[in-house]
Amino acid sequence: MKNPDVIIIGGGLAGLTLTALMAEKNVNVLCIDREKPQETLLDDFDGRTTAISYGSQKVLQEAGIWSSLEKDCCPIESIRILDGGSPVLLEFESREVGGKTFGWIAENRLIRNALYKKITSQRQAGLIAPAVVSGFSVDEKNAHVFLDDGTTYNAPLVIGADGRFSFTREWMKIGTRQWSYKQRAVICTVIHENAHNNIAVEHFRPEGPFAILPMCDDKEGKHRSSVVWTEHGTKRHSALHYTQDVFDAALEARFPSCYGAVHQIEKRFSYPLSLVHAHQYIAPRMALVAEAAHGIHPIAGQGLNMGFRDLATITELISAACKNGQDPGSEEVLKQYQQHRRFDNMAMAGATDSLNKLFSNDLMPVKLARKAGLRIVSRLPFAKKLFMNQAMGAAGLLPSMIKDRDAA
């Protein structure tokens, strides 16, 4: 593509979504990624699923892929919160928010596939992959992207969407506040005897949360769920390495009995858990979005929501600038983006950090206090609505493409 308005570094879910979204808003955009697209669609490339909130679904809709993706997404109609061996302490039902779905669970590779198909059909979008970025330079009017094969691309703005270990952020010399939770998430897909009835379960345990996320049935009609099993990072014998029989037995011990027999299928994956937050999101002619700017604990399933708010906000600002003949990489535009997003992301990072510390604490006074707190929330409609709006991605500082639909 010649003369893009924006170059995006990184072709993960955030980078691809931002590419499709900007192209839909008549912004000329080029995405550069180091991975081969066909390899990212394989089952063993990324075993994760993504919780698409009610608000994030709007972003995918605006990007033009929701209609093709929806059939592969399992709606969440109920959320149940458990603490230790206690029965359900808190339950959110979609009927309490007018029948709105809380969100959907989709496999990452299927979201990528829908995004690749969309981008290849968009006149104003381009994708270069695989390609390795070796560096950048910035002058008064443009940012320049250098690839390791000697090719150079130029645009008024470069956006880093290249994840927690962002090369773009490193080159911008932007520091981060970060720490390890000394936990890791073991992730897998399971089949179970009985239907999940579109219920998501968050089971708080001393070593960390154990989440059961409903997935669409497979082609044979078998009931599936995605498991996010948090364990101590220092644990000598990780669940990642359990034998199949031991792992299945451990799953059944953690699953509510209503699921029946549980069996892990496909591959297990493991990821270390940490918090990362950039001191700044912007530099001259450059910006950071999603996990390149902030990465949080998955305890509340809000990581994607935060990232998609970044994408919606920066797209609205840049598309307005391009439409009005203004510079999309101007200091004014970038400062507006940072002002809109950084405080909101800091607040969510702090909230999820506190939740993890609260619910990973097995001290009896803390356990009693949090159980009492959850019971109080369950009895207060306004408090429940606040939590439900947060789960739906419909609370906080919302960009207009989300706010128009989700304001409550």
Protein backbone atom coordinates (compact mmCIF):
# COMPACT_ATOMS: atom_id res chain seq x y z
CA MET A 1 0.00 0.00 0.00
CA LYS A 2 1.29 3.44 -0.94
CA ASN A 3 0.95 6.39 1.40
CA PRO A 4 -0.95 4.86 4.36
CA ASP A 5 -2.36 7.20 6.98
CA VAL A 6 -1.40 4.75 9.72
CA ILE A 7 1.00 1.82 10.08
CA ILE A 8 0.13 -0.75 12.75
CA ILE A 9 2.88 -2.92 14.21
CA GLY A 10 1.55 -6.30 15.33
CA GLY A 11 -1.04 -8.62 13.82
CA GLY A 12 -2.57 -10.22 16.89
CA LEU A 13 -6.23 -9.74 17.76
CA ALA A 14 -5.70 -6.08 18.64
CA GLY A 15 -3.63 -5.19 15.58
CA LEU A 16 -5.89 -6.99 13.11
CA THR A 17 -9.07 -5.59 14.67
CA LEU A 18 -7.62 -2.07 14.57
CA THR A 19 -6.66 -2.55 10.91
CA ALA A 20 -10.15 -3.68 9.91
CA LEU A 21 -11.80 -1.02 12.07
CA MET A 22 -9.78 1.86 10.61
CA ALA A 23 -10.29 0.65 7.05
CA GLU A 24 -14.05 0.56 7.67
CA LYS A 25 -13.78 4.21 8.77
CA ASN A 26 -12.01 5.21 5.51
CA VAL A 27 -8.51 5.38 6.99
CA ASN A 28 -5.71 3.98 4.81
CA VAL A 29 -3.97 1.51 7.10
CA LEU A 30 -1.09 -0.94 6.79
CA CYS A 31 -0.49 -3.75 9.31
CA ILE A 32 2.94 -5.39 9.69
CA ASP A 33 3.31 -8.68 11.61
CA ARG A 34 6.14 -11.15 12.17
CA GLU A 35 3.96 -14.29 12.03
CA LYS A 36 2.83 -16.23 8.96
CA PRO A 37 -0.96 -15.77 8.82
CA GLN A 38 -1.62 -19.42 7.98
CA GLU A 39 0.34 -20.60 11.03
CA THR A 40 -1.65 -18.42 13.44
CA LEU A 41 -4.83 -20.27 12.41
CA LEU A 42 -3.57 -23.71 13.48
CA ASP A 43 -5.13 -25.35 16.55
CA ASP A 44 -1.77 -25.60 18.32
CA PHE A 45 -0.69 -21.97 17.73
CA ASP A 46 -2.87 -20.44 20.43
CA GLY A 47 -5.24 -22.48 22.57
CA ARG A 48 -6.83 -19.46 24.17
CA THR A 49 -10.39 -18.30 23.89
CA THR A 50 -11.49 -14.70 24.20
CA ALA A 51 -14.36 -13.30 26.23
CA ILE A 52 -16.00 -10.74 23.96
CA SER A 53 -18.03 -8.39 26.13
CA TYR A 54 -21.27 -6.78 25.03
CA GLY A 55 -19.27 -3.58 24.46
CA SER A 56 -16.41 -5.26 22.57
CA GLN A 57 -18.93 -6.95 20.28
CA LYS A 58 -19.89 -3.50 19.06
CA VAL A 59 -16.27 -2.86 18.06
CA LEU A 60 -16.19 -6.11 16.07
CA GLN A 61 -19.47 -5.11 14.48
CA GLU A 62 -18.03 -1.72 13.50
CA ALA A 63 -14.98 -3.55 12.09
CA GLY A 64 -17.33 -5.49 9.82
CA ILE A 65 -16.66 -9.04 11.04
CA TRP A 66 -19.36 -9.78 13.63
CA SER A 67 -21.88 -11.13 11.13
CA SER A 68 -19.40 -13.79 9.96
CA LEU A 69 -18.04 -14.52 13.45
CA GLU A 70 -21.24 -14.72 15.51
CA LYS A 71 -22.04 -18.32 14.56
CA ASP A 72 -18.77 -19.43 16.19
CA CYS A 73 -19.36 -17.49 19.43
CA CYS A 74 -21.12 -18.93 22.47
CA PRO A 75 -23.29 -16.39 24.34
CA ILE A 76 -22.94 -15.98 28.10
CA GLU A 77 -26.39 -15.73 29.68
CA SER A 78 -25.39 -16.23 33.31
CA ILE A 79 -22.27 -15.71 35.46
CA ARG A 80 -21.81 -17.62 38.71
CA ILE A 81 -19.25 -16.68 41.37
CA LEU A 82 -18.02 -19.34 43.82
CA ASP A 83 -15.51 -18.97 46.66
CA GLY A 84 -13.60 -22.02 47.84
CA GLY A 85 -15.91 -24.91 48.67
CA SER A 86 -18.93 -22.68 49.19
CA PRO A 87 -22.08 -22.85 47.05
CA VAL A 88 -22.81 -20.09 44.55
CA LEU A 89 -22.33 -16.77 46.35
CA LEU A 90 -23.28 -14.44 43.54
CA GLU A 91 -25.11 -14.96 40.27
CA PHE A 92 -25.74 -12.56 37.41
CA GLU A 93 -28.57 -13.31 34.99
CA SER A 94 -29.10 -11.67 31.60
CA ARG A 95 -32.76 -11.05 32.48
CA GLU A 96 -31.51 -8.60 35.13
CA VAL A 97 -30.15 -6.36 32.36
CA GLY A 98 -33.11 -6.55 30.01
CA GLY A 99 -32.15 -9.86 28.46
CA LYS A 100 -28.86 -8.53 27.08
CA THR A 101 -26.12 -11.10 26.62
CA PHE A 102 -23.17 -10.49 28.96
CA GLY A 103 -20.76 -11.48 26.23
CA TRP A 104 -19.58 -14.30 24.02
CA ILE A 105 -16.74 -16.83 24.11
CA ALA A 106 -14.83 -17.37 20.86
CA GLU A 107 -11.65 -19.20 19.91
CA ASN A 108 -8.81 -16.81 19.12
CA ARG A 109 -7.94 -18.56 15.87
CA LEU A 110 -11.51 -18.17 14.60
CA ILE A 111 -11.48 -14.44 15.37
CA ARG A 112 -8.17 -14.16 13.51
CA ASN A 113 -9.59 -16.03 10.54
CA ALA A 114 -12.57 -13.67 10.29
CA LEU A 115 -10.24 -10.67 10.54
CA TYR A 116 -7.85 -11.96 7.86
CA LYS A 117 -10.75 -12.51 5.48
CA LYS A 118 -12.10 -9.03 6.15
CA ILE A 119 -8.76 -7.26 5.73
CA THR A 120 -7.99 -8.97 2.42
CA SER A 121 -11.33 -7.68 1.10
CA GLN A 122 -10.82 -4.07 2.23
CA ARG A 123 -9.46 -1.62 -0.33
CA GLN A 124 -8.03 0.66 2.35
CA ALA A 125 -6.28 -2.09 4.34
CA GLY A 126 -2.97 -3.83 3.73
CA LEU A 127 -1.13 -6.63 5.54
CA ILE A 128 2.56 -7.46 5.32
CA ALA A 129 3.41 -10.77 7.00
CA PRO A 130 5.71 -12.33 7.88
CA ALA A 131 7.97 -9.33 8.29
CA VAL A 132 10.33 -8.27 11.08
CA VAL A 133 10.58 -4.62 12.11
CA SER A 134 14.18 -3.64 12.86
CA GLY A 135 13.63 -0.03 13.88
CA PHE A 136 11.95 3.32 13.41
CA SER A 137 12.76 6.96 12.86
CA VAL A 138 10.60 10.05 13.18
CA ASP A 139 10.70 13.43 11.49
CA GLU A 140 8.39 16.42 11.49
CA LYS A 141 5.77 14.89 9.17
CA ASN A 142 6.20 11.12 9.27
CA ALA A 143 7.26 8.04 11.17
CA HIS A 144 9.44 5.60 9.22
CA VAL A 145 9.34 1.83 9.74
CA PHE A 146 12.43 -0.19 8.78
CA LEU A 147 12.18 -3.92 8.09
CA ASP A 148 15.09 -6.31 8.42
CA ASP A 149 14.99 -6.96 4.64
CA GLY A 150 15.85 -3.31 3.99
CA THR A 151 12.32 -2.17 3.11
CA THR A 152 11.03 1.12 4.54
CA TYR A 153 7.43 2.24 5.04
CA ASN A 154 6.29 5.73 6.00
CA ALA A 155 3.11 7.18 7.53
CA PRO A 156 2.05 10.17 9.64
CA LEU A 157 1.41 7.76 12.54
CA VAL A 158 2.73 4.40 13.72
CA ILE A 159 0.72 2.44 16.30
CA GLY A 160 2.31 -0.32 18.36
CA ALA A 161 -0.08 -3.23 18.89
CA ASP A 162 2.70 -5.75 19.43
CA GLY A 163 1.84 -7.10 22.86
CA ARG A 164 3.23 -7.01 26.39
CA PHE A 165 6.82 -7.33 25.22
CA SER A 166 6.35 -4.57 22.66
CA PHE A 167 9.39 -3.78 20.52
CA THR A 168 7.64 -0.55 19.52
CA ARG A 169 7.32 0.52 23.16
CA GLU A 170 10.95 -0.36 23.80
CA TRP A 171 12.09 1.72 20.82
CA MET A 172 9.94 4.64 22.05
CA LYS A 173 11.91 4.39 25.32
CA ILE A 174 8.69 4.26 27.32
CA GLY A 175 9.09 2.58 30.69
CA THR A 176 6.51 0.44 32.43
CA ARG A 177 5.21 -0.31 35.87
CA GLN A 178 5.14 -4.08 36.09
CA TRP A 179 5.30 -7.07 38.36
CA SER A 180 4.77 -10.80 38.24
CA TYR A 181 1.83 -12.34 40.11
CA LYS A 182 3.90 -15.50 40.59
CA GLN A 183 0.98 -17.32 39.02
CA ARG A 184 0.44 -18.99 35.69
CA ALA A 185 -2.69 -19.88 33.79
CA VAL A 186 -3.10 -23.38 32.39
CA ILE A 187 -5.59 -23.20 29.55
CA CYS A 188 -7.39 -25.97 27.72
CA THR A 189 -10.64 -27.01 26.10
CA VAL A 190 -12.78 -29.71 27.72
CA ILE A 191 -15.85 -31.69 26.82
CA HIS A 192 -18.42 -32.50 29.47
CA GLU A 193 -21.36 -34.85 29.78
CA ASN A 194 -24.09 -32.25 30.35
CA ALA A 195 -24.82 -28.91 28.66
CA HIS A 196 -23.34 -25.75 30.20
CA ASN A 197 -26.55 -23.79 29.54
CA ASN A 198 -24.50 -20.72 28.56
CA ILE A 199 -23.23 -20.29 32.13
CA ALA A 200 -19.77 -18.91 32.91
CA VAL A 201 -18.28 -19.89 36.27
CA GLU A 202 -15.58 -18.03 38.21
CA HIS A 203 -14.40 -20.19 41.12
CA PHE A 204 -12.05 -18.34 43.47
CA ARG A 205 -9.48 -20.65 45.02
CA PRO A 206 -6.42 -19.95 47.24
CA GLU A 207 -3.98 -20.47 44.35
CA GLY A 208 -6.02 -18.21 42.04
CA PRO A 209 -9.27 -18.22 40.04
CA PHE A 210 -10.53 -21.26 38.16
CA ALA A 211 -12.76 -20.15 35.28
CA ILE A 212 -15.13 -22.26 33.17
CA LEU A 213 -16.19 -20.47 30.00
CA PRO A 214 -18.96 -21.88 27.77
CA MET A 215 -18.08 -22.71 24.17
CA CYS A 216 -20.17 -23.78 21.20
CA ASP A 217 -20.76 -27.52 20.87
CA ASP A 218 -18.39 -29.26 18.47
CA LYS A 219 -19.46 -30.71 15.11
CA GLU A 220 -20.48 -33.96 16.81
CA GLY A 221 -22.69 -32.12 19.29
CA LYS A 222 -20.35 -32.62 22.26
CA HIS A 223 -20.59 -29.95 24.94
CA ARG A 224 -17.44 -27.86 25.28
CA SER A 225 -16.02 -25.30 27.68
CA SER A 226 -12.74 -23.44 27.96
CA VAL A 227 -10.86 -23.73 31.25
CA VAL A 228 -8.51 -21.12 32.69
CA TRP A 229 -6.82 -22.78 35.65
CA THR A 230 -4.66 -20.42 37.71
CA GLU A 231 -1.92 -21.99 39.81
CA HIS A 232 1.11 -20.81 41.78
CA GLY A 233 3.97 -20.02 39.44
CA THR A 234 6.40 -21.64 41.88
CA LYS A 235 4.47 -24.92 41.97
CA ARG A 236 6.88 -27.76 41.25
CA HIS A 237 4.36 -30.05 39.57
CA SER A 238 2.27 -27.92 37.23
CA ALA A 239 -1.11 -29.12 36.01
CA LEU A 240 0.35 -28.53 32.55
CA HIS A 241 2.33 -31.76 32.97
CA TYR A 242 -0.29 -33.97 34.65
CA THR A 243 -1.09 -37.25 32.94
CA GLN A 244 -4.43 -37.28 31.17
CA ASP A 245 -6.15 -39.34 33.88
CA VAL A 246 -4.81 -37.18 36.71
CA PHE A 247 -5.71 -33.99 34.88
CA ASP A 248 -9.28 -35.15 34.16
CA ALA A 249 -9.74 -36.19 37.79
CA ALA A 250 -8.50 -32.78 38.96
CA LEU A 251 -10.88 -31.08 36.53
CA GLU A 252 -13.88 -33.03 37.82
CA ALA A 253 -12.94 -32.14 41.39
CA ARG A 254 -13.05 -28.45 40.44
CA PHE A 255 -16.12 -28.51 38.18
CA PRO A 256 -19.65 -28.21 39.62
CA SER A 257 -21.27 -31.65 39.59
CA CYS A 258 -23.97 -30.49 37.16
CA TYR A 259 -21.46 -30.73 34.28
CA GLY A 260 -21.14 -34.50 34.69
CA ALA A 261 -18.01 -36.27 33.47
CA VAL A 262 -15.28 -33.91 32.22
CA HIS A 263 -12.49 -34.72 29.77
CA GLN A 264 -9.73 -32.50 28.43
CA ILE A 265 -9.31 -32.43 24.64
CA GLU A 266 -6.68 -30.85 22.41
CA LYS A 267 -3.48 -29.35 23.83
CA ARG A 268 -2.84 -27.61 27.16
CA PHE A 269 -1.20 -24.19 27.13
CA SER A 270 0.44 -22.23 29.94
CA TYR A 271 1.07 -18.50 30.31
CA PRO A 272 2.73 -16.55 33.16
CA LEU A 273 0.52 -13.87 34.70
CA SER A 274 1.76 -10.35 35.26
CA LEU A 275 0.74 -6.71 35.29
CA VAL A 276 2.31 -4.28 32.83
CA HIS A 277 1.34 -0.63 32.39
CA ALA A 278 3.22 1.89 30.25
CA HIS A 279 4.14 5.24 31.79
CA GLN A 280 3.05 6.91 28.55
CA TYR A 281 0.99 5.75 25.56
CA ILE A 282 2.36 8.27 23.06
CA ALA A 283 5.54 9.77 21.61
CA PRO A 284 6.00 11.98 18.53
CA ARG A 285 4.22 10.27 15.60
CA MET A 286 3.72 7.07 17.60
CA ALA A 287 1.16 5.51 19.96
CA LEU A 288 0.59 2.28 21.89
CA VAL A 289 -2.66 0.32 22.17
CA ALA A 290 -3.96 -2.77 23.97
CA GLU A 291 -1.32 -4.99 25.62
CA ALA A 292 1.55 -2.90 24.24
CA ALA A 293 0.20 -0.22 26.61
CA HIS A 294 -1.29 -2.35 29.41
CA GLY A 295 -1.61 -5.97 30.41
CA ILE A 296 -3.64 -7.06 33.42
CA HIS A 297 -4.57 -10.16 35.42
CA PRO A 298 -7.34 -12.16 33.66
CA ILE A 299 -9.37 -12.49 36.89
CA ALA A 300 -12.26 -10.33 35.64
CA GLY A 301 -11.94 -11.05 31.92
CA GLN A 302 -11.45 -7.36 31.15
CA GLY A 303 -8.18 -7.37 29.20
CA LEU A 304 -9.81 -7.45 25.77
CA ASN A 305 -12.42 -4.89 26.80
CA MET A 306 -9.69 -2.43 27.78
CA GLY A 307 -7.81 -3.00 24.55
CA PHE A 308 -10.89 -2.64 22.38
CA ARG A 309 -11.73 0.67 24.06
CA ASP A 310 -8.26 1.82 23.04
CA LEU A 311 -8.94 0.74 19.46
CA ALA A 312 -12.34 2.42 19.33
CA THR A 313 -11.02 5.67 20.82
CA ILE A 314 -7.97 6.03 18.60
CA THR A 315 -9.99 5.07 15.50
CA GLU A 316 -12.60 7.73 16.22
CA LEU A 317 -9.92 10.39 16.69
CA ILE A 318 -7.90 9.43 13.61
CA SER A 319 -10.88 8.97 11.29
CA ALA A 320 -12.19 12.40 12.32
CA ALA A 321 -8.77 13.94 11.64
CA CYS A 322 -8.51 12.31 8.21
CA LYS A 323 -12.07 13.28 7.31
CA ASN A 324 -11.34 16.91 8.19
CA GLY A 325 -8.04 16.98 6.31
CA GLN A 326 -6.01 17.15 9.52
CA ASP A 327 -2.83 15.34 10.50
CA PRO A 328 -3.73 11.94 12.06
CA GLY A 329 -0.39 11.81 13.87
CA SER A 330 -0.49 15.30 15.30
CA GLU A 331 0.39 15.98 18.92
CA GLU A 332 -3.18 17.17 19.52
CA VAL A 333 -4.72 13.88 18.34
CA LEU A 334 -2.26 11.76 20.32
CA LYS A 335 -2.72 13.74 23.52
CA GLN A 336 -6.50 13.33 23.23
CA TYR A 337 -6.07 9.57 22.87
CA GLN A 338 -3.86 9.30 25.95
CA GLN A 339 -6.14 11.56 27.98
CA HIS A 340 -9.18 9.44 27.10
CA ARG A 341 -7.64 6.06 27.79
CA ARG A 342 -4.80 6.07 30.31
CA PHE A 343 -6.76 6.88 33.47
CA ASP A 344 -9.52 4.39 32.64
CA ASN A 345 -6.94 1.65 32.05
CA MET A 346 -5.06 2.52 35.26
CA ALA A 347 -8.30 2.21 37.23
CA MET A 348 -9.09 -1.21 35.75
CA ALA A 349 -5.53 -2.46 36.28
CA GLY A 350 -5.73 -1.42 39.92
CA ALA A 351 -9.14 -3.03 40.36
CA THR A 352 -8.09 -6.39 38.90
CA ASP A 353 -4.87 -6.35 40.92
CA SER A 354 -6.86 -5.79 44.12
CA LEU A 355 -9.37 -8.50 43.21
CA ASN A 356 -6.62 -11.04 42.66
CA LYS A 357 -5.02 -10.22 46.01
CA LEU A 358 -8.38 -10.38 47.77
CA PHE A 359 -9.56 -13.66 46.26
CA SER A 360 -6.20 -15.45 46.33
CA ASN A 361 -5.95 -14.90 50.09
CA ASP A 362 -6.87 -17.91 52.22
CA LEU A 363 -6.71 -16.19 55.63
CA MET A 364 -9.96 -16.86 57.49
CA PRO A 365 -10.81 -13.18 58.31
CA VAL A 366 -10.33 -12.26 54.64
CA LYS A 367 -12.42 -15.23 53.46
CA LEU A 368 -15.27 -14.30 55.80
CA ALA A 369 -15.15 -10.64 54.76
CA ARG A 370 -15.24 -11.32 51.02
CA LYS A 371 -18.05 -13.86 51.35
CA ALA A 372 -20.04 -11.33 53.34
CA GLY A 373 -19.29 -8.71 50.69
CA LEU A 374 -20.48 -10.94 47.86
CA ARG A 375 -23.69 -11.74 49.73
CA ILE A 376 -24.32 -8.02 50.25
CA VAL A 377 -23.80 -7.35 46.53
CA SER A 378 -26.25 -10.14 45.68
CA ARG A 379 -28.94 -8.41 47.75
CA LEU A 380 -28.41 -4.88 46.38
CA PRO A 381 -29.83 -4.41 42.85
CA PHE A 382 -27.84 -1.23 42.14
CA ALA A 383 -24.59 -2.94 43.17
CA LYS A 384 -25.36 -5.98 41.04
CA LYS A 385 -26.11 -3.74 38.06
CA LEU A 386 -22.78 -1.97 38.53
CA PHE A 387 -20.92 -5.30 38.46
CA MET A 388 -22.95 -6.54 35.49
CA ASN A 389 -22.30 -3.38 33.47
CA GLN A 390 -18.59 -3.79 34.17
CA ALA A 391 -18.68 -7.42 33.02
CA MET A 392 -20.46 -6.32 29.84
CA GLY A 393 -17.84 -3.68 29.06
CA ALA A 394 -20.50 -1.00 29.47
CA ALA A 395 -19.00 0.97 32.36
CA GLY A 396 -16.19 3.47 32.63
CA LEU A 397 -15.03 5.98 30.02
CA LEU A 398 -16.64 4.65 26.85
CA PRO A 399 -15.86 5.73 23.28
CA SER A 400 -18.95 6.68 21.33
CA MET A 401 -19.09 3.55 19.16
CA ILE A 402 -19.58 1.54 22.37
CA LYS A 403 -21.49 4.12 24.39
CA ASP A 404 -24.21 4.56 21.76
CA ARG A 405 -25.33 0.99 22.29
CA ASP A 406 -24.26 0.14 25.80
CA ALA A 407 -25.05 3.19 27.87
CA ALA A 408 -27.12 2.04 30.80
